[in-house]
Amino acid sequence: MSSSRLDTSKIMGKGATGKVGVLASPSSISSSSAATLPLTSLNHISLVCRSVEESLDFYQSVLGFFPIRRPGSFDFDGAWLFNYGIGIHLLQSEDPENMPQKEEINPKDNHISFQCESLAMVEKKLKETGIKYVQRTVEEGGILVDQIFFHDPDGFMIEICNCENLPVIPLAAGDAAARVCYKQARCAVKQQQQQKPQQQLSSA
């Protein structure tokens, strides 16, 4: 992937001090009090990378982010980018050679997802830049959601999708817990069914 070399002196600032707060355990926070937190939006995600310059190039040339000024008081290398109402904060790894490598693109891995109006344009861009990707389609109640998954230079998963096709339907806390339990029970039953033929063969 080629692009002009950036002058990162203004966006790759140096270090900061911070205070560590103590958050109460989830069991001590009621659902009503959690719902009243004065949160407004997701501000940014922070990613540790092998090379800040390589990641800067990727997030600009592939995803269309642009670099923004980073506080000069920081005493560690990094860079900030912004677009689509969200920031990406890149942090230079202190041990880049030993960062784990990820080859397999697993849609169930940790990832950030971007809503997109044309997945065909995204696929074209990925092909042009030689970035490997996988595609998935999810059907729910006759609604189709298309997904494209790929990695950034450090193996962090990125999804591009039209997930807004699905309506957002809030669940009550009990319903959410029941759904998780149902999925766990279904997995347990499936495992038992798979083990039965093996047990029958061993006893024969």
C-alpha atoms as a PDB file:
ATOM      1  CA  MET A   1       0.000   0.000   0.000  1.00  0.00           C
ATOM      2  CA  SER A   2       1.608   3.203  -1.092  1.00  0.00           C
ATOM      3  CA  SER A   3       0.926   6.753  -0.032  1.00  0.00           C
ATOM      4  CA  SER A   4       2.908   9.927   0.501  1.00  0.00           C
ATOM      5  CA  ARG A   5       4.971  10.031   3.678  1.00  0.00           C
ATOM      6  CA  LEU A   6       3.310  12.058   6.414  1.00  0.00           C
ATOM      7  CA  ASP A   7       4.962  14.536   8.720  1.00  0.00           C
ATOM      8  CA  THR A   8       3.823  12.994  11.979  1.00  0.00           C
ATOM      9  CA  SER A   9       5.598  15.449  14.246  1.00  0.00           C
ATOM     10  CA  LYS A  10       2.365  17.335  14.975  1.00  0.00           C
ATOM     11  CA  ILE A  11       0.122  14.322  15.387  1.00  0.00           C
ATOM     12  CA  MET A  12       2.472  11.882  17.114  1.00  0.00           C
ATOM     13  CA  GLY A  13       2.763  13.682  20.420  1.00  0.00           C
ATOM     14  CA  LYS A  14       4.473  12.692  23.630  1.00  0.00           C
ATOM     15  CA  GLY A  15       2.961  11.408  26.888  1.00  0.00           C
ATOM     16  CA  ALA A  16       0.511  12.232  29.723  1.00  0.00           C
ATOM     17  CA  THR A  17      -0.434  11.642  33.292  1.00  0.00           C
ATOM     18  CA  GLY A  18      -3.801  10.320  34.374  1.00  0.00           C
ATOM     19  CA  LYS A  19      -5.853   9.332  37.388  1.00  0.00           C
ATOM     20  CA  VAL A  20      -7.220   5.848  37.857  1.00  0.00           C
ATOM     21  CA  GLY A  21     -10.816   5.713  39.015  1.00  0.00           C
ATOM     22  CA  VAL A  22     -12.461   2.835  40.854  1.00  0.00           C
ATOM     23  CA  LEU A  23     -15.672   1.531  39.344  1.00  0.00           C
ATOM     24  CA  ALA A  24     -18.187  -0.281  41.491  1.00  0.00           C
ATOM     25  CA  SER A  25     -18.771  -3.942  40.727  1.00  0.00           C
ATOM     26  CA  PRO A  26     -21.588  -4.715  38.266  1.00  0.00           C
ATOM     27  CA  SER A  27     -23.627  -6.353  41.018  1.00  0.00           C
ATOM     28  CA  SER A  28     -23.672  -3.103  42.985  1.00  0.00           C
ATOM     29  CA  ILE A  29     -24.974  -1.055  40.069  1.00  0.00           C
ATOM     30  CA  SER A  30     -28.692  -1.289  39.426  1.00  0.00           C
ATOM     31  CA  SER A  31     -30.022  -1.232  35.886  1.00  0.00           C
ATOM     32  CA  SER A  32     -31.853   1.997  36.644  1.00  0.00           C
ATOM     33  CA  SER A  33     -28.712   3.816  37.841  1.00  0.00           C
ATOM     34  CA  ALA A  34     -26.662   2.528  34.899  1.00  0.00           C
ATOM     35  CA  ALA A  35     -29.266   3.860  32.509  1.00  0.00           C
ATOM     36  CA  THR A  36     -28.942   7.362  33.946  1.00  0.00           C
ATOM     37  CA  LEU A  37     -25.211   7.765  33.262  1.00  0.00           C
ATOM     38  CA  PRO A  38     -24.743  10.993  31.264  1.00  0.00           C
ATOM     39  CA  LEU A  39     -23.075   9.247  28.313  1.00  0.00           C
ATOM     40  CA  THR A  40     -23.558  10.790  24.877  1.00  0.00           C
ATOM     41  CA  SER A  41     -21.587   8.774  22.318  1.00  0.00           C
ATOM     42  CA  LEU A  42     -18.583   6.580  21.611  1.00  0.00           C
ATOM     43  CA  ASN A  43     -15.596   8.939  21.495  1.00  0.00           C
ATOM     44  CA  HIS A  44     -12.705   6.806  20.265  1.00  0.00           C
ATOM     45  CA  ILE A  45     -11.040   3.423  20.219  1.00  0.00           C
ATOM     46  CA  SER A  46      -7.389   2.980  21.158  1.00  0.00           C
ATOM     47  CA  LEU A  47      -5.139   0.499  19.355  1.00  0.00           C
ATOM     48  CA  VAL A  48      -1.582  -0.602  20.108  1.00  0.00           C
ATOM     49  CA  CYS A  49       0.346  -1.037  16.860  1.00  0.00           C
ATOM     50  CA  ARG A  50       3.732  -2.198  15.609  1.00  0.00           C
ATOM     51  CA  SER A  51       4.218   0.884  13.471  1.00  0.00           C
ATOM     52  CA  VAL A  52       2.267   4.104  13.969  1.00  0.00           C
ATOM     53  CA  GLU A  53       3.182   5.306  10.480  1.00  0.00           C
ATOM     54  CA  GLU A  54       2.004   2.074   8.827  1.00  0.00           C
ATOM     55  CA  SER A  55      -1.294   2.177  10.715  1.00  0.00           C
ATOM     56  CA  LEU A  56      -1.719   5.883   9.894  1.00  0.00           C
ATOM     57  CA  ASP A  57      -1.357   5.039   6.228  1.00  0.00           C
ATOM     58  CA  PHE A  58      -3.882   2.196   6.472  1.00  0.00           C
ATOM     59  CA  TYR A  59      -6.615   4.091   8.310  1.00  0.00           C
ATOM     60  CA  GLN A  60      -6.265   7.048   5.945  1.00  0.00           C
ATOM     61  CA  SER A  61      -5.926   5.335   2.576  1.00  0.00           C
ATOM     62  CA  VAL A  62      -8.295   2.415   3.208  1.00  0.00           C
ATOM     63  CA  LEU A  63     -10.910   3.748   5.641  1.00  0.00           C
ATOM     64  CA  GLY A  64     -10.772   7.486   4.964  1.00  0.00           C
ATOM     65  CA  PHE A  65      -9.758   8.747   8.409  1.00  0.00           C
ATOM     66  CA  PHE A  66      -7.710  11.932   8.686  1.00  0.00           C
ATOM     67  CA  PRO A  67      -5.011  12.773  11.267  1.00  0.00           C
ATOM     68  CA  ILE A  68      -5.765  15.306  13.987  1.00  0.00           C
ATOM     69  CA  ARG A  69      -3.592  17.086  16.545  1.00  0.00           C
ATOM     70  CA  ARG A  70      -2.565  15.019  19.548  1.00  0.00           C
ATOM     71  CA  PRO A  71      -1.681  16.547  22.949  1.00  0.00           C
ATOM     72  CA  GLY A  72       2.000  17.406  22.966  1.00  0.00           C
ATOM     73  CA  SER A  73       2.281  16.565  26.665  1.00  0.00           C
ATOM     74  CA  PHE A  74       2.117  12.835  25.928  1.00  0.00           C
ATOM     75  CA  ASP A  75       5.468  11.145  26.587  1.00  0.00           C
ATOM     76  CA  PHE A  76       4.797   8.093  24.400  1.00  0.00           C
ATOM     77  CA  ASP A  77       4.572   7.802  20.631  1.00  0.00           C
ATOM     78  CA  GLY A  78       1.215   7.631  18.926  1.00  0.00           C
ATOM     79  CA  ALA A  79      -1.200   9.398  16.599  1.00  0.00           C
ATOM     80  CA  TRP A  80      -4.856  10.408  16.517  1.00  0.00           C
ATOM     81  CA  LEU A  81      -7.260  10.117  13.598  1.00  0.00           C
ATOM     82  CA  PHE A  82     -10.895  11.073  13.189  1.00  0.00           C
ATOM     83  CA  ASN A  83     -13.868  10.591  10.863  1.00  0.00           C
ATOM     84  CA  TYR A  84     -17.477   9.365  10.870  1.00  0.00           C
ATOM     85  CA  GLY A  85     -17.943  10.841  14.339  1.00  0.00           C
ATOM     86  CA  ILE A  86     -15.358   8.575  15.966  1.00  0.00           C
ATOM     87  CA  GLY A  87     -11.671   8.854  16.820  1.00  0.00           C
ATOM     88  CA  ILE A  88      -8.948   6.236  16.469  1.00  0.00           C
ATOM     89  CA  HIS A  89      -5.980   6.627  18.816  1.00  0.00           C
ATOM     90  CA  LEU A  90      -2.872   4.737  17.751  1.00  0.00           C
ATOM     91  CA  LEU A  91      -0.269   3.804  20.355  1.00  0.00           C
ATOM     92  CA  GLN A  92       3.227   2.658  19.439  1.00  0.00           C
ATOM     93  CA  SER A  93       3.987  -0.747  20.967  1.00  0.00           C
ATOM     94  CA  GLU A  94       6.960  -0.885  23.311  1.00  0.00           C
ATOM     95  CA  ASP A  95       7.740  -4.380  22.022  1.00  0.00           C
ATOM     96  CA  PRO A  96       6.547  -4.479  18.396  1.00  0.00           C
ATOM     97  CA  GLU A  97       8.547  -7.572  17.454  1.00  0.00           C
ATOM     98  CA  ASN A  98       6.656  -9.717  19.958  1.00  0.00           C
ATOM     99  CA  MET A  99       3.151  -8.554  19.138  1.00  0.00           C
ATOM    100  CA  PRO A 100       1.022 -11.594  18.190  1.00  0.00           C
ATOM    101  CA  GLN A 101       0.376 -12.215  14.506  1.00  0.00           C
ATOM    102  CA  LYS A 102      -3.163 -12.933  13.311  1.00  0.00           C
ATOM    103  CA  GLU A 103      -3.587 -14.645   9.962  1.00  0.00           C
ATOM    104  CA  GLU A 104      -7.082 -16.160  10.110  1.00  0.00           C
ATOM    105  CA  ILE A 105      -9.967 -13.749   9.603  1.00  0.00           C
ATOM    106  CA  ASN A 106     -12.496 -14.841  12.211  1.00  0.00           C
ATOM    107  CA  PRO A 107     -15.769 -12.845  12.203  1.00  0.00           C
ATOM    108  CA  LYS A 108     -16.290 -13.838  15.853  1.00  0.00           C
ATOM    109  CA  ASP A 109     -13.079 -12.123  16.942  1.00  0.00           C
ATOM    110  CA  ASN A 110     -13.036  -8.707  18.641  1.00  0.00           C
ATOM    111  CA  HIS A 111     -13.720  -6.013  16.071  1.00  0.00           C
ATOM    112  CA  ILE A 112     -15.083  -2.577  15.303  1.00  0.00           C
ATOM    113  CA  SER A 113     -17.872  -2.260  12.742  1.00  0.00           C
ATOM    114  CA  PHE A 114     -18.641   0.556  10.318  1.00  0.00           C
ATOM    115  CA  GLN A 115     -22.016   1.045   8.661  1.00  0.00           C
ATOM    116  CA  CYS A 116     -21.653   1.470   4.889  1.00  0.00           C
ATOM    117  CA  GLU A 117     -23.944   2.457   2.027  1.00  0.00           C
ATOM    118  CA  SER A 118     -22.057   0.491  -0.655  1.00  0.00           C
ATOM    119  CA  LEU A 119     -20.272  -2.720   0.236  1.00  0.00           C
ATOM    120  CA  ALA A 120     -19.428  -3.172  -3.440  1.00  0.00           C
ATOM    121  CA  MET A 121     -17.205  -0.089  -3.283  1.00  0.00           C
ATOM    122  CA  VAL A 122     -15.518  -1.438  -0.146  1.00  0.00           C
ATOM    123  CA  GLU A 123     -14.857  -4.788  -1.801  1.00  0.00           C
ATOM    124  CA  LYS A 124     -13.403  -3.024  -4.846  1.00  0.00           C
ATOM    125  CA  LYS A 125     -11.107  -0.969  -2.599  1.00  0.00           C
ATOM    126  CA  LEU A 126      -9.877  -4.043  -0.747  1.00  0.00           C
ATOM    127  CA  LYS A 127      -9.125  -5.847  -3.999  1.00  0.00           C
ATOM    128  CA  GLU A 128      -7.213  -2.839  -5.337  1.00  0.00           C
ATOM    129  CA  THR A 129      -5.069  -2.647  -2.203  1.00  0.00           C
ATOM    130  CA  GLY A 130      -4.540  -6.409  -1.949  1.00  0.00           C
ATOM    131  CA  ILE A 131      -6.172  -6.749   1.461  1.00  0.00           C
ATOM    132  CA  LYS A 132      -7.580 -10.187   2.277  1.00  0.00           C
ATOM    133  CA  TYR A 133     -11.189 -10.287   3.452  1.00  0.00           C
ATOM    134  CA  VAL A 134     -14.122 -12.605   4.062  1.00  0.00           C
ATOM    135  CA  GLN A 135     -17.807 -11.999   3.383  1.00  0.00           C
ATOM    136  CA  ARG A 136     -20.813 -13.119   5.381  1.00  0.00           C
ATOM    137  CA  THR A 137     -24.564 -12.659   5.010  1.00  0.00           C
ATOM    138  CA  VAL A 138     -26.910 -12.863   7.986  1.00  0.00           C
ATOM    139  CA  GLU A 139     -30.661 -13.355   7.525  1.00  0.00           C
ATOM    140  CA  GLU A 140     -33.070 -12.413  10.279  1.00  0.00           C
ATOM    141  CA  GLY A 141     -36.813 -12.386   9.670  1.00  0.00           C
ATOM    142  CA  GLY A 142     -36.347 -11.967   5.933  1.00  0.00           C
ATOM    143  CA  ILE A 143     -33.869  -9.094   6.406  1.00  0.00           C
ATOM    144  CA  LEU A 144     -30.400  -9.555   4.910  1.00  0.00           C
ATOM    145  CA  VAL A 145     -27.289  -8.066   6.488  1.00  0.00           C
ATOM    146  CA  ASP A 146     -24.098  -8.185   4.426  1.00  0.00           C
ATOM    147  CA  GLN A 147     -20.721  -8.106   6.162  1.00  0.00           C
ATOM    148  CA  ILE A 148     -17.095  -7.774   5.082  1.00  0.00           C
ATOM    149  CA  PHE A 149     -14.311  -8.576   7.545  1.00  0.00           C
ATOM    150  CA  PHE A 150     -10.598  -7.792   7.239  1.00  0.00           C
ATOM    151  CA  HIS A 151      -7.564  -6.950   9.373  1.00  0.00           C
ATOM    152  CA  ASP A 152      -5.624  -3.764   9.922  1.00  0.00           C
ATOM    153  CA  PRO A 153      -1.787  -4.029   9.773  1.00  0.00           C
ATOM    154  CA  ASP A 154      -1.700  -5.413  13.328  1.00  0.00           C
ATOM    155  CA  GLY A 155      -4.447  -7.991  12.922  1.00  0.00           C
ATOM    156  CA  PHE A 156      -7.222  -5.977  14.557  1.00  0.00           C
ATOM    157  CA  MET A 157     -10.536  -6.961  12.966  1.00  0.00           C
ATOM    158  CA  ILE A 158     -12.607  -4.453  11.027  1.00  0.00           C
ATOM    159  CA  GLU A 159     -16.142  -5.078   9.809  1.00  0.00           C
ATOM    160  CA  ILE A 160     -17.975  -3.137   7.120  1.00  0.00           C
ATOM    161  CA  CYS A 161     -21.702  -3.840   7.008  1.00  0.00           C
ATOM    162  CA  ASN A 162     -25.232  -2.654   6.366  1.00  0.00           C
ATOM    163  CA  CYS A 163     -26.328  -3.624   9.883  1.00  0.00           C
ATOM    164  CA  GLU A 164     -28.769  -0.719  10.021  1.00  0.00           C
ATOM    165  CA  ASN A 165     -31.083  -2.942   7.977  1.00  0.00           C
ATOM    166  CA  LEU A 166     -31.914  -4.642  11.268  1.00  0.00           C
ATOM    167  CA  PRO A 167     -34.232  -2.759  13.628  1.00  0.00           C
ATOM    168  CA  VAL A 168     -32.941  -2.055  17.134  1.00  0.00           C
ATOM    169  CA  ILE A 169     -35.328  -3.807  19.520  1.00  0.00           C
ATOM    170  CA  PRO A 170     -34.421  -3.408  23.225  1.00  0.00           C
ATOM    171  CA  LEU A 171     -34.708  -6.482  25.450  1.00  0.00           C
ATOM    172  CA  ALA A 172     -35.583  -6.496  29.120  1.00  0.00           C
ATOM    173  CA  ALA A 173     -32.738  -7.655  31.374  1.00  0.00           C
ATOM    174  CA  GLY A 174     -34.495 -10.949  32.073  1.00  0.00           C
ATOM    175  CA  ASP A 175     -35.068 -11.594  28.376  1.00  0.00           C
ATOM    176  CA  ALA A 176     -31.400 -10.993  27.597  1.00  0.00           C
ATOM    177  CA  ALA A 177     -30.260 -13.366  30.348  1.00  0.00           C
ATOM    178  CA  ALA A 178     -32.738 -16.007  29.219  1.00  0.00           C
ATOM    179  CA  ARG A 179     -31.485 -15.781  25.653  1.00  0.00           C
ATOM    180  CA  VAL A 180     -27.876 -16.308  26.746  1.00  0.00           C
ATOM    181  CA  CYS A 181     -28.888 -19.290  28.887  1.00  0.00           C
ATOM    182  CA  TYR A 182     -30.881 -20.731  25.993  1.00  0.00           C
ATOM    183  CA  LYS A 183     -27.869 -20.549  23.690  1.00  0.00           C
ATOM    184  CA  GLN A 184     -25.666 -22.231  26.303  1.00  0.00           C
ATOM    185  CA  ALA A 185     -28.221 -24.979  26.836  1.00  0.00           C
ATOM    186  CA  ARG A 186     -28.564 -25.529  23.095  1.00  0.00           C
ATOM    187  CA  CYS A 187     -24.784 -25.892  22.780  1.00  0.00           C
ATOM    188  CA  ALA A 188     -24.738 -28.390  25.654  1.00  0.00           C
ATOM    189  CA  VAL A 189     -27.464 -30.499  24.034  1.00  0.00           C
ATOM    190  CA  LYS A 190     -25.595 -30.467  20.734  1.00  0.00           C
ATOM    191  CA  GLN A 191     -22.417 -31.658  22.442  1.00  0.00           C
ATOM    192  CA  GLN A 192     -24.325 -34.470  24.158  1.00  0.00           C
ATOM    193  CA  GLN A 193     -25.818 -35.566  20.844  1.00  0.00           C
ATOM    194  CA  GLN A 194     -22.363 -35.657  19.286  1.00  0.00           C
ATOM    195  CA  GLN A 195     -20.948 -37.690  22.183  1.00  0.00           C
ATOM    196  CA  LYS A 196     -23.665 -40.399  22.090  1.00  0.00           C
ATOM    197  CA  PRO A 197     -22.570 -42.023  18.792  1.00  0.00           C
ATOM    198  CA  GLN A 198     -18.965 -42.078  20.044  1.00  0.00           C
ATOM    199  CA  GLN A 199     -20.030 -43.765  23.307  1.00  0.00           C
ATOM    200  CA  GLN A 200     -22.066 -46.353  21.393  1.00  0.00           C
ATOM    201  CA  LEU A 201     -19.093 -47.157  19.170  1.00  0.00           C
ATOM    202  CA  SER A 202     -16.759 -47.557  22.141  1.00  0.00           C
ATOM    203  CA  SER A 203     -19.186 -49.929  23.916  1.00  0.00           C
ATOM    204  CA  ALA A 204     -19.805 -52.051  20.801  1.00  0.00           C
END
